[in-house]
Amino acid sequence: MHRSYRGAMATDDPADPGLPIKLNPCSNGEYPPRAVTPLVRETVRRARGLCDERARRLGMDRRAFLLSTMGAATTLATLAACSSDQSGGGSGGTYDVPEEAGTDPDAATEALGGPGPVIDVQTHFLEYPAGTGAGMGSSFPQARCGEADPADCFRTDAWIDEVFGRSDTTLAVLSAVPVVAGADPMSADLMSRARERLVERCGEGRVLVQGHGVPNVGELPAALAAMEDEAARFPLVAWKSYTHVGRPWRLDDADPEGLQVGEAYLAKVVELGVDVVCVHKGLSDGHPFASPADIGPAAAAHPDLRFCVYHAGFESRVTEAGYDAGSPNGGADRLLLSLERAGIEPGANVYAELGSTWRTVMGSPDEAAHLLGKLLVAVGEDRVLWGTDSIWYGSPQDQIQAFRTFEISEELQDRYGYPALTDAVKEKVLWRNAAALYDVDPEELPCDLRPGEQEEARGAVAGDNRTFGPTTAEAASRLFLAEHPWAAASY
C-alpha cells in the first residue's frame, strides 16, 4: 500500500485486523484497482473512531469488535451516513443498518445475516507447486499470510478457510483462470481435489467445477479435443473462456481481426452436453475483445445455451450511471446495448454476474444502485448471479453483508424504473438464480447454519479482515504478466 493510504485505512499494529468491510483498493490482477475516494477515506476515518469507541463502551477487545458483525454494521452504517452527507441527503443507494446493530450482537446478526444459503458462482484458488508461486514473490505486498511460501496465501486451504470458514458461503463454483503455459494452478484436476477436501470437512455438494475452453491457444482441433477429454474425466457444470487473453476472438466470429473460433467453440460446448458458457467480459482496462458486444448475437444464435457474463461488462475506470442507449458508457452499458440490439429480453438466456464488480462499487453507493438497478432491468431479477471473485479479496463475508443491507432509493426507482431490492430479489441473486442455473437442490446443501451459528463458526476460524490481490495498477499488471507470459502480446 502507499504510506498515505495505509495511514487512512489501517494502522501499523500487527494485531489490528482492519475494518470488517474492506474498502481498500484491490484487484484480481486483471484490471487496475480504483484509487481511494474522499468518500471512502472519510468513511474509514469515522468508522475506525466509532469501532474503537463502541468496543470500549461494550468492554470488548478492540480486535474482537473489528472481527464481529457489530463492527461490520458500524462500518456499513458509517458508509451510508458519509454517502448521504456527500450527496446532501439525496443518495441513490444506501445501506439500511439500524443504529442498535452497532452495539447489539443479536441486532447485528438480524440486520446483516440471512436464513438462506449463499451460492458464489465465481471463486478461485492458485495451487502452484511449492516455491513456484508465479508473480507472488516477497515483493508482492499482499502475499504475506504468515507462511514461509507467499503462494500459501492462495492455496486450497486458504480458499477453504476464507470462502467457507469465514463467510456464509454455502456452495461455490470453482472458475478457471487464463493459464495455459506451465503449471495450471486451477486445472480441472486441482478443482476436483479441492471439492474432495470439502467433502472431508462438510459432506457432499459444496463445490461445482467448470471446464476451461481455450480455442484460441494452439491448433483448434487440438483445443476442441482437449475439451472432450476434460469433459470425459470430470463432472463439469459449465465452460469458462476468455476472449481477450492470447490471440483475441469473439463468441460470434464477427470481428475479422479476431480468430474465427467462436462458433466452433460453442458448437463443441453443445456437443458435450453442458449448456452453460461462462465468459470473462469487462475488467480488462478496456481491451476491445473483452467487450460484451458479442454476448447478444451469440445468445440469439444459440438459444440452446445459457451465457453467464462474468463481471457483467463492468470496467473499473468507468463510473456507472443511468443507461442511455444513445450514449452508452464503456462498462456495463455495453452489455445492455448488445442485448438490446440482439433482441434478448429479460429472463432469456443471458445472466449477469457480480464478481469483482460488486466489490468495486460497494464503496460508491450511488454507482452501486445504478449498476444493480440497470442489470436487474436488462436481464431480469432471475438472471443476476452472486459471485465474489474470491480469494483475491479475502473472505467474501463483507461483500455478502453489504449486499444484504443495500437499498436502491425510491427516487432512482421512479426515475429509471429500477426495481426495489426486496428480500425476495436479494434471495434470488444470492442463491436462487444460481441454484436454478446449475440444478442445485438447496434442501440438500450441507452445513446450512442459522445466522447465530454462522457467526459463531466464523469466529472459530483465525484470520484478519484483509485482501490478497494487488492494490495498484502496476502491481496488477506485474502479477498478470508474471502468471501469463504467453498472453503478453495481446496487452
Protein backbone atom coordinates (compact mmCIF):
# COMPACT_ATOMS: atom_id res chain seq x y z
CA MET A 1 0.00 0.00 0.00
CA HIS A 2 1.06 3.61 -0.41
CA ARG A 3 2.03 5.00 3.01
CA SER A 4 -0.53 7.85 2.85
CA TYR A 5 -3.30 5.40 2.10
CA ARG A 6 -2.19 2.99 4.78
CA GLY A 7 -2.47 5.76 7.34
CA ALA A 8 -6.13 6.22 6.46
CA MET A 9 -7.10 2.59 6.17
CA ALA A 10 -5.05 0.65 8.68
CA THR A 11 -2.52 1.03 11.46
CA ASP A 12 0.96 -0.37 11.80
CA ASP A 13 -0.21 -2.52 14.69
CA PRO A 14 0.11 -6.18 13.62
CA ALA A 15 -2.75 -7.01 15.98
CA ASP A 16 -5.09 -4.69 14.08
CA PRO A 17 -7.27 -6.86 11.80
CA GLY A 18 -8.57 -3.89 9.77
CA LEU A 19 -12.15 -2.78 9.26
CA PRO A 20 -14.59 -5.66 8.64
CA ILE A 21 -15.94 -4.01 5.46
CA LYS A 22 -12.84 -3.93 3.27
CA LEU A 23 -12.92 -0.74 1.17
CA ASN A 24 -9.23 -0.61 0.24
CA PRO A 25 -8.11 -0.70 -3.40
CA CYS A 26 -7.66 -4.27 -4.58
CA SER A 27 -7.76 -6.15 -7.88
CA ASN A 28 -7.91 -9.74 -9.00
CA GLY A 29 -4.85 -8.99 -11.14
CA GLU A 30 -6.83 -8.47 -14.35
CA TYR A 31 -7.60 -4.74 -14.00
CA PRO A 32 -6.28 -1.60 -12.31
CA PRO A 33 -7.89 -1.14 -8.89
CA ARG A 34 -9.60 2.13 -8.18
CA ALA A 35 -7.89 4.76 -6.07
CA VAL A 36 -9.24 5.74 -2.68
CA THR A 37 -12.10 8.23 -2.94
CA PRO A 38 -12.77 11.05 -0.47
CA LEU A 39 -15.98 9.20 0.47
CA VAL A 40 -14.11 6.03 1.38
CA ARG A 41 -11.35 7.91 3.19
CA GLU A 42 -13.87 9.75 5.37
CA THR A 43 -15.85 6.56 5.96
CA VAL A 44 -12.74 4.78 7.18
CA ARG A 45 -11.77 7.68 9.45
CA ARG A 46 -15.20 7.82 11.08
CA ALA A 47 -15.70 4.06 11.23
CA ARG A 48 -12.37 3.47 12.97
CA GLY A 49 -13.25 6.02 15.62
CA LEU A 50 -16.72 4.56 16.14
CA CYS A 51 -15.44 0.99 16.34
CA ASP A 52 -12.86 1.99 18.95
CA GLU A 53 -15.46 3.88 20.99
CA ARG A 54 -18.03 1.07 20.84
CA ALA A 55 -15.51 -1.59 21.74
CA ARG A 56 -14.56 0.39 24.86
CA ARG A 57 -18.21 1.01 25.77
CA LEU A 58 -19.03 -2.70 25.47
CA GLY A 59 -15.89 -3.74 27.34
CA MET A 60 -14.76 -5.72 24.29
CA ASP A 61 -11.31 -6.33 22.98
CA ARG A 62 -10.86 -3.95 20.04
CA ARG A 63 -9.72 -6.74 17.73
CA ALA A 64 -12.75 -8.85 18.64
CA PHE A 65 -15.07 -5.96 17.85
CA LEU A 66 -13.42 -5.39 14.45
CA LEU A 67 -13.93 -9.07 13.64
CA SER A 68 -17.58 -9.04 14.74
CA THR A 69 -20.82 -8.43 12.88
CA MET A 70 -21.29 -5.35 15.08
CA GLY A 71 -18.08 -3.97 13.56
CA ALA A 72 -19.40 -4.67 10.07
CA ALA A 73 -22.71 -2.98 10.92
CA THR A 74 -20.86 0.04 12.26
CA THR A 75 -18.80 0.36 9.08
CA LEU A 76 -21.76 -0.01 6.71
CA ALA A 77 -23.85 2.49 8.67
CA THR A 78 -20.93 4.92 8.55
CA LEU A 79 -20.59 4.47 4.80
CA ALA A 80 -24.30 5.17 4.37
CA ALA A 81 -24.07 8.31 6.51
CA CYS A 82 -20.99 9.63 4.72
CA SER A 83 -22.60 8.99 1.32
CA SER A 84 -25.73 10.85 2.43
CA ASP A 85 -23.63 13.76 3.67
CA GLN A 86 -21.70 13.89 0.39
CA SER A 87 -24.89 13.96 -1.69
CA GLY A 88 -26.75 16.40 0.52
CA GLY A 89 -29.17 13.74 1.70
CA GLY A 90 -30.11 12.52 -1.78
CA SER A 91 -28.03 9.36 -2.12
CA GLY A 92 -29.32 6.97 -4.76
CA GLY A 93 -28.11 3.93 -2.86
CA THR A 94 -27.66 3.24 0.81
CA TYR A 95 -27.07 0.59 3.46
CA ASP A 96 -30.05 0.03 5.73
CA VAL A 97 -28.46 -0.74 9.09
CA PRO A 98 -30.33 0.06 12.33
CA GLU A 99 -28.40 2.02 14.95
CA GLU A 100 -28.62 -0.76 17.52
CA ALA A 101 -26.84 -3.18 15.19
CA GLY A 102 -23.58 -1.41 16.00
CA THR A 103 -23.72 -2.37 19.68
CA ASP A 104 -26.14 -5.31 19.97
CA PRO A 105 -24.85 -8.63 18.57
CA ASP A 106 -28.35 -10.04 18.04
CA ALA A 107 -29.48 -6.91 16.19
CA ALA A 108 -26.31 -7.02 14.08
CA THR A 109 -26.88 -10.65 13.17
CA GLU A 110 -30.51 -9.96 12.28
CA ALA A 111 -29.60 -6.98 10.10
CA LEU A 112 -26.58 -8.44 8.28
CA GLY A 113 -27.33 -12.15 8.44
CA GLY A 114 -29.68 -14.26 6.40
CA PRO A 115 -31.53 -17.53 6.81
CA GLY A 116 -30.93 -18.84 3.29
CA PRO A 117 -27.85 -20.27 1.59
CA VAL A 118 -25.32 -18.29 -0.46
CA ILE A 119 -24.10 -19.66 -3.79
CA ASP A 120 -20.97 -17.98 -5.12
CA VAL A 121 -20.57 -18.65 -8.84
CA GLN A 122 -17.01 -17.33 -9.16
CA THR A 123 -14.22 -18.32 -6.78
CA HIS A 124 -10.58 -19.18 -7.27
CA PHE A 125 -7.51 -20.60 -5.60
CA LEU A 126 -3.98 -20.89 -7.03
CA GLU A 127 -2.30 -24.20 -6.29
CA TYR A 128 1.24 -23.79 -7.63
CA PRO A 129 3.95 -26.33 -6.80
CA ALA A 130 5.82 -25.31 -3.63
CA GLY A 131 8.20 -22.41 -4.21
CA THR A 132 6.85 -21.57 -7.67
CA GLY A 133 4.02 -19.11 -6.93
CA ALA A 134 4.26 -17.11 -10.15
CA GLY A 135 4.28 -13.37 -9.55
CA MET A 136 3.85 -13.78 -5.78
CA GLY A 137 7.37 -13.34 -4.50
CA SER A 138 8.28 -11.43 -1.38
CA SER A 139 7.98 -8.11 -3.25
CA PHE A 140 4.23 -8.66 -3.71
CA PRO A 141 2.78 -6.91 -0.64
CA GLN A 142 -0.41 -8.94 -0.32
CA ALA A 143 1.42 -12.26 -0.48
CA ARG A 144 2.17 -12.37 3.24
CA CYS A 145 -0.09 -14.58 5.29
CA GLY A 146 2.29 -15.83 7.93
CA GLU A 147 3.63 -18.70 5.84
CA ALA A 148 7.14 -19.32 4.56
CA ASP A 149 5.96 -19.53 0.95
CA PRO A 150 3.98 -16.44 -0.21
CA ALA A 151 1.93 -18.63 -2.54
CA ASP A 152 0.40 -20.31 0.52
CA CYS A 153 -1.93 -17.29 0.79
CA PHE A 154 -3.72 -18.52 -2.32
CA ARG A 155 -3.70 -22.28 -1.95
CA THR A 156 -6.68 -24.59 -1.49
CA ASP A 157 -6.53 -24.50 2.31
CA ALA A 158 -6.59 -20.69 2.32
CA TRP A 159 -9.53 -20.70 -0.12
CA ILE A 160 -11.46 -23.12 2.10
CA ASP A 161 -10.79 -21.03 5.21
CA GLU A 162 -11.64 -17.66 3.64
CA VAL A 163 -14.63 -18.64 1.49
CA PHE A 164 -16.27 -21.31 3.63
CA GLY A 165 -14.79 -20.88 7.10
CA ARG A 166 -15.05 -17.08 7.33
CA SER A 167 -18.19 -16.35 5.31
CA ASP A 168 -21.78 -17.52 4.93
CA THR A 169 -20.99 -19.07 1.54
CA THR A 170 -22.73 -22.43 1.27
CA LEU A 171 -21.73 -23.57 -2.21
CA ALA A 172 -19.04 -22.24 -4.56
CA VAL A 173 -18.25 -22.66 -8.22
CA LEU A 174 -14.54 -23.00 -8.95
CA SER A 175 -13.86 -20.89 -12.02
CA ALA A 176 -10.87 -21.39 -14.29
CA VAL A 177 -8.15 -18.76 -14.72
CA PRO A 178 -6.43 -17.98 -18.06
CA VAL A 179 -3.27 -20.00 -17.52
CA VAL A 180 -2.28 -22.47 -20.22
CA ALA A 181 1.52 -22.48 -20.14
CA GLY A 182 3.42 -24.27 -17.41
CA ALA A 183 1.63 -25.41 -14.28
CA ASP A 184 -2.07 -24.55 -14.31
CA PRO A 185 -2.90 -23.55 -10.71
CA MET A 186 -6.61 -24.19 -11.29
CA SER A 187 -6.78 -27.19 -13.56
CA ALA A 188 -9.92 -29.33 -13.52
CA ASP A 189 -7.91 -31.95 -11.66
CA LEU A 190 -6.97 -29.48 -8.90
CA MET A 191 -10.56 -28.24 -8.72
CA SER A 192 -11.78 -31.80 -8.26
CA ARG A 193 -9.25 -32.35 -5.49
CA ALA A 194 -10.48 -29.19 -3.77
CA ARG A 195 -14.03 -30.50 -3.97
CA GLU A 196 -12.89 -33.70 -2.29
CA ARG A 197 -11.29 -31.66 0.50
CA LEU A 198 -14.64 -30.00 1.18
CA VAL A 199 -16.31 -33.41 1.31
CA GLU A 200 -13.93 -34.34 4.12
CA ARG A 201 -14.92 -31.23 6.08
CA CYS A 202 -18.62 -30.91 5.41
CA GLY A 203 -20.08 -33.58 3.18
CA GLU A 204 -21.02 -33.61 -0.48
CA GLY A 205 -22.35 -30.81 -2.61
CA ARG A 206 -20.37 -27.69 -1.70
CA VAL A 207 -18.24 -27.24 -4.82
CA LEU A 208 -19.02 -27.20 -8.55
CA VAL A 209 -16.31 -27.35 -11.20
CA GLN A 210 -16.02 -25.64 -14.59
CA GLY A 211 -14.04 -26.65 -17.62
CA HIS A 212 -11.61 -24.24 -19.30
CA GLY A 213 -12.13 -23.72 -23.02
CA VAL A 214 -9.19 -22.17 -24.91
CA PRO A 215 -9.99 -22.42 -28.65
CA ASN A 216 -7.51 -19.60 -29.33
CA VAL A 217 -4.47 -21.45 -27.99
CA GLY A 218 -2.65 -23.82 -30.32
CA GLU A 219 -4.45 -25.55 -33.16
CA LEU A 220 -8.25 -25.51 -32.97
CA PRO A 221 -8.76 -29.30 -33.42
CA ALA A 222 -6.38 -29.97 -30.54
CA ALA A 223 -8.13 -27.40 -28.33
CA LEU A 224 -11.53 -28.97 -29.02
CA ALA A 225 -10.14 -32.45 -28.40
CA ALA A 226 -8.80 -31.24 -25.04
CA MET A 227 -12.32 -30.12 -24.16
CA GLU A 228 -13.64 -33.59 -24.98
CA ASP A 229 -11.00 -35.17 -22.75
CA GLU A 230 -11.74 -32.81 -19.85
CA ALA A 231 -15.48 -33.39 -20.12
CA ALA A 232 -14.92 -37.16 -20.08
CA ARG A 233 -12.79 -37.05 -16.92
CA PHE A 234 -14.59 -34.53 -14.73
CA PRO A 235 -18.22 -33.70 -13.81
CA LEU A 236 -18.26 -30.19 -15.30
CA VAL A 237 -21.18 -27.80 -14.81
CA ALA A 238 -20.04 -25.09 -17.25
CA TRP A 239 -17.31 -23.99 -19.63
CA LYS A 240 -15.20 -20.91 -18.85
CA SER A 241 -13.47 -18.88 -21.53
CA TYR A 242 -11.54 -15.65 -22.05
CA THR A 243 -11.88 -13.95 -25.43
CA HIS A 244 -9.18 -11.30 -24.90
CA VAL A 245 -6.26 -13.26 -23.42
CA GLY A 246 -3.82 -14.57 -26.00
CA ARG A 247 -4.97 -14.37 -29.61
CA PRO A 248 -8.26 -12.44 -29.39
CA TRP A 249 -11.58 -13.83 -30.61
CA ARG A 250 -15.31 -13.27 -30.32
CA LEU A 251 -18.08 -15.68 -29.48
CA ASP A 252 -19.92 -14.64 -32.67
CA ASP A 253 -16.87 -14.54 -35.01
CA ALA A 254 -17.98 -11.05 -36.11
CA ASP A 255 -14.59 -9.29 -36.00
CA PRO A 256 -12.28 -10.09 -38.95
CA GLU A 257 -9.31 -9.06 -36.79
CA GLY A 258 -10.04 -11.88 -34.36
CA LEU A 259 -9.57 -15.62 -34.65
CA GLN A 260 -12.62 -17.28 -36.18
CA VAL A 261 -13.07 -19.90 -33.48
CA GLY A 262 -16.19 -18.75 -31.63
CA GLU A 263 -18.79 -20.78 -33.47
CA ALA A 264 -16.64 -23.93 -33.37
CA TYR A 265 -16.20 -23.48 -29.63
CA LEU A 266 -19.91 -23.02 -28.94
CA ALA A 267 -20.78 -25.96 -31.18
CA LYS A 268 -18.38 -28.14 -29.18
CA VAL A 269 -19.98 -26.97 -25.92
CA VAL A 270 -23.38 -28.02 -27.26
CA GLU A 271 -21.99 -31.36 -28.39
CA LEU A 272 -20.50 -32.07 -24.96
CA GLY A 273 -23.86 -31.59 -23.27
CA VAL A 274 -23.01 -28.79 -20.82
CA ASP A 275 -25.22 -25.87 -21.74
CA VAL A 276 -23.66 -23.11 -19.58
CA VAL A 277 -20.97 -20.87 -21.09
CA CYS A 278 -19.20 -18.52 -18.68
CA VAL A 279 -17.10 -15.81 -20.27
CA HIS A 280 -14.99 -13.01 -18.83
CA LYS A 281 -16.36 -9.68 -20.08
CA GLY A 282 -15.09 -6.38 -18.74
CA LEU A 283 -12.43 -5.75 -16.09
CA SER A 284 -9.70 -5.64 -18.70
CA ASP A 285 -8.76 -1.94 -18.71
CA GLY A 286 -10.79 -1.56 -21.90
CA HIS A 287 -9.43 -4.40 -24.05
CA PRO A 288 -11.71 -4.41 -27.13
CA PHE A 289 -12.13 -8.19 -27.19
CA ALA A 290 -13.20 -8.21 -23.53
CA SER A 291 -16.21 -6.13 -24.53
CA PRO A 292 -19.57 -7.90 -24.10
CA ALA A 293 -20.64 -6.75 -27.57
CA ASP A 294 -20.63 -10.38 -28.77
CA ILE A 295 -22.93 -11.65 -26.00
CA GLY A 296 -26.22 -10.58 -27.56
CA PRO A 297 -25.53 -12.05 -31.03
CA ALA A 298 -24.14 -15.29 -29.57
CA ALA A 299 -27.14 -15.70 -27.23
CA ALA A 300 -29.57 -15.04 -30.07
CA ALA A 301 -27.83 -17.58 -32.31
CA HIS A 302 -27.69 -20.19 -29.53
CA PRO A 303 -30.95 -20.28 -27.58
CA ASP A 304 -29.90 -23.79 -26.51
CA LEU A 305 -27.05 -22.31 -24.43
CA ARG A 306 -27.07 -20.15 -21.30
CA PHE A 307 -24.45 -17.41 -21.12
CA CYS A 308 -23.02 -16.28 -17.78
CA VAL A 309 -21.31 -12.90 -18.27
CA TYR A 310 -18.63 -12.70 -15.62
CA HIS A 311 -18.20 -9.15 -14.26
CA ALA A 312 -21.25 -8.01 -16.30
CA GLY A 313 -19.05 -5.99 -18.68
CA PHE A 314 -18.01 -3.61 -15.89
CA GLU A 315 -14.72 -1.68 -16.12
CA SER A 316 -13.05 -0.21 -13.04
CA ARG A 317 -12.25 3.07 -14.80
CA VAL A 318 -15.89 3.66 -15.77
CA THR A 319 -18.34 5.27 -13.36
CA GLU A 320 -21.73 3.60 -13.75
CA ALA A 321 -24.82 5.79 -14.08
CA GLY A 322 -28.22 5.54 -15.75
CA TYR A 323 -28.29 3.68 -19.06
CA ASP A 324 -28.64 5.69 -22.26
CA ALA A 325 -28.66 3.59 -25.43
CA GLY A 326 -27.70 6.66 -27.44
CA SER A 327 -24.60 7.25 -25.34
CA PRO A 328 -23.55 4.01 -23.64
CA ASN A 329 -20.57 4.03 -21.31
CA GLY A 330 -17.54 1.82 -21.67
CA GLY A 331 -18.67 -0.52 -18.91
CA ALA A 332 -21.87 -2.44 -18.19
CA ASP A 333 -23.83 -0.36 -20.72
CA ARG A 334 -22.07 -2.29 -23.47
CA LEU A 335 -23.78 -5.47 -22.29
CA LEU A 336 -27.17 -3.76 -22.16
CA LEU A 337 -26.71 -2.38 -25.67
CA SER A 338 -25.63 -5.76 -27.04
CA LEU A 339 -28.71 -7.46 -25.58
CA GLU A 340 -31.00 -4.70 -26.78
CA ARG A 341 -29.70 -4.84 -30.36
CA ALA A 342 -29.94 -8.66 -30.44
CA GLY A 343 -33.49 -8.68 -29.05
CA ILE A 344 -32.52 -10.60 -25.89
CA GLU A 345 -35.29 -9.99 -23.37
CA PRO A 346 -35.10 -10.11 -19.58
CA GLY A 347 -35.38 -13.68 -18.35
CA ALA A 348 -33.84 -15.10 -21.54
CA ASN A 349 -30.53 -16.98 -21.77
CA VAL A 350 -28.10 -14.31 -20.54
CA TYR A 351 -27.01 -13.97 -16.90
CA ALA A 352 -25.06 -11.05 -15.41
CA GLU A 353 -22.53 -11.98 -12.70
CA LEU A 354 -21.18 -9.66 -10.00
CA GLY A 355 -17.69 -10.99 -9.18
CA SER A 356 -15.21 -8.12 -8.52
CA THR A 357 -17.90 -5.79 -9.88
CA TRP A 358 -19.92 -5.54 -6.66
CA ARG A 359 -16.75 -5.41 -4.58
CA THR A 360 -15.53 -2.44 -6.63
CA VAL A 361 -18.75 -0.38 -6.43
CA MET A 362 -19.94 -1.16 -2.91
CA GLY A 363 -17.89 1.77 -1.59
CA SER A 364 -19.79 4.04 -4.00
CA PRO A 365 -23.49 3.60 -3.11
CA ASP A 366 -24.93 5.80 -5.88
CA GLU A 367 -22.95 3.95 -8.54
CA ALA A 368 -23.83 0.60 -6.98
CA ALA A 369 -27.53 1.48 -7.17
CA HIS A 370 -27.29 2.32 -10.86
CA LEU A 371 -25.28 -0.78 -11.68
CA LEU A 372 -27.57 -3.22 -9.87
CA GLY A 373 -30.72 -1.42 -11.00
CA LYS A 374 -29.97 -1.45 -14.71
CA LEU A 375 -28.72 -5.04 -14.68
CA LEU A 376 -31.92 -6.17 -12.97
CA VAL A 377 -33.93 -4.33 -15.62
CA ALA A 378 -31.89 -5.63 -18.57
CA VAL A 379 -31.54 -9.33 -17.77
CA GLY A 380 -34.32 -9.65 -15.20
CA GLU A 381 -34.27 -10.41 -11.48
CA ASP A 382 -33.98 -14.14 -12.25
CA ARG A 383 -30.75 -13.66 -14.21
CA VAL A 384 -28.39 -11.77 -11.89
CA LEU A 385 -25.86 -14.07 -10.21
CA TRP A 386 -23.89 -13.68 -6.99
CA GLY A 387 -20.15 -14.01 -7.39
CA THR A 388 -17.22 -12.53 -5.46
CA ASP A 389 -14.01 -13.48 -7.31
CA SER A 390 -12.55 -14.65 -4.02
CA ILE A 391 -9.85 -15.49 -2.88
CA TRP A 392 -8.39 -12.20 -4.14
CA TYR A 393 -10.50 -10.14 -1.73
CA GLY A 394 -10.06 -12.38 1.29
CA SER A 395 -13.24 -13.53 2.98
CA PRO A 396 -16.31 -12.57 0.91
CA GLN A 397 -18.34 -12.07 4.10
CA ASP A 398 -18.16 -8.28 3.86
CA GLN A 399 -19.48 -8.38 0.29
CA ILE A 400 -22.36 -10.58 1.43
CA GLN A 401 -23.19 -8.34 4.38
CA ALA A 402 -23.07 -5.21 2.26
CA PHE A 403 -25.38 -6.70 -0.37
CA ARG A 404 -27.89 -7.93 2.22
CA THR A 405 -28.30 -4.41 3.59
CA PHE A 406 -28.13 -2.44 0.34
CA GLU A 407 -31.11 -0.47 -0.98
CA ILE A 408 -31.89 1.47 -4.16
CA SER A 409 -33.59 4.77 -3.41
CA GLU A 410 -37.21 5.35 -4.39
CA GLU A 411 -36.05 8.37 -6.40
CA LEU A 412 -33.88 6.20 -8.66
CA GLN A 413 -36.59 3.57 -8.85
CA ASP A 414 -39.08 6.17 -10.07
CA ARG A 415 -36.69 7.93 -12.43
CA TYR A 416 -35.06 4.91 -14.07
CA GLY A 417 -37.55 2.12 -13.49
CA TYR A 418 -35.21 0.16 -11.24
CA PRO A 419 -36.81 -2.47 -9.02
CA ALA A 420 -36.64 -2.28 -5.24
CA LEU A 421 -34.06 -4.58 -3.69
CA THR A 422 -36.55 -6.55 -1.65
CA ASP A 423 -35.59 -9.57 0.42
CA ALA A 424 -37.06 -11.76 -2.32
CA VAL A 425 -34.89 -10.14 -5.01
CA LYS A 426 -31.77 -10.42 -2.87
CA GLU A 427 -32.55 -14.05 -2.18
CA LYS A 428 -32.72 -14.69 -5.93
CA VAL A 429 -29.37 -13.02 -6.52
CA LEU A 430 -27.64 -14.67 -3.57
CA TRP A 431 -28.68 -18.22 -4.37
CA ARG A 432 -31.96 -18.98 -6.10
CA ASN A 433 -30.83 -17.94 -9.58
CA ALA A 434 -27.61 -19.95 -9.36
CA ALA A 435 -29.44 -22.95 -7.92
CA ALA A 436 -31.76 -22.94 -10.93
CA LEU A 437 -28.89 -22.41 -13.40
CA TYR A 438 -26.84 -25.29 -12.01
CA ASP A 439 -29.77 -27.51 -10.99
CA VAL A 440 -28.89 -27.43 -7.31
CA ASP A 441 -31.42 -28.55 -4.72
CA PRO A 442 -31.00 -26.15 -1.76
CA GLU A 443 -32.63 -28.67 0.55
CA GLU A 444 -29.65 -30.96 0.00
CA LEU A 445 -26.95 -28.39 0.77
CA PRO A 446 -24.93 -29.36 3.86
CA CYS A 447 -23.80 -27.11 6.70
CA ASP A 448 -26.76 -24.75 6.38
CA LEU A 449 -26.37 -22.99 9.73
CA ARG A 450 -28.68 -20.41 11.27
CA PRO A 451 -27.29 -16.84 11.35
CA GLY A 452 -26.24 -17.03 15.00
CA GLU A 453 -24.48 -20.34 14.41
CA GLN A 454 -22.76 -18.91 11.34
CA GLU A 455 -21.39 -16.05 13.41
CA GLU A 456 -20.01 -18.47 15.98
CA ALA A 457 -18.49 -20.69 13.29
CA ARG A 458 -16.77 -17.75 11.60
CA GLY A 459 -15.32 -16.63 14.91
CA ALA A 460 -13.67 -20.01 15.33
CA VAL A 461 -11.57 -19.53 12.17
CA ALA A 462 -8.44 -17.43 12.65
CA GLY A 463 -7.86 -14.56 10.25
CA ASP A 464 -7.87 -10.84 9.62
CA ASN A 465 -10.05 -8.53 7.54
CA ARG A 466 -7.60 -8.48 4.64
CA THR A 467 -7.40 -8.77 0.91
CA PHE A 468 -4.79 -10.68 -1.08
CA GLY A 469 -4.92 -9.17 -4.57
CA PRO A 470 -2.72 -6.33 -5.91
CA THR A 471 -3.56 -2.82 -4.75
CA THR A 472 -2.05 -0.72 -7.55
CA ALA A 473 -2.29 -0.72 -11.35
CA GLU A 474 1.42 -1.50 -11.62
CA ALA A 475 1.17 -4.45 -9.25
CA ALA A 476 -1.90 -5.80 -11.08
CA SER A 477 -0.09 -5.61 -14.43
CA ARG A 478 3.05 -7.20 -12.98
CA LEU A 479 1.08 -10.06 -11.47
CA PHE A 480 -0.91 -10.74 -14.64
CA LEU A 481 2.13 -10.80 -16.92
CA ALA A 482 4.12 -12.92 -14.46
CA GLU A 483 1.34 -15.51 -14.44
CA HIS A 484 0.52 -15.30 -18.16
CA PRO A 485 3.72 -14.55 -20.13
CA TRP A 486 2.25 -16.27 -23.16
CA ALA A 487 -0.50 -13.63 -23.24
CA ALA A 488 1.76 -10.57 -23.12
CA ALA A 489 1.46 -9.92 -26.86
CA SER A 490 -2.25 -9.13 -26.53
CA TYR A 491 -1.63 -6.40 -23.92
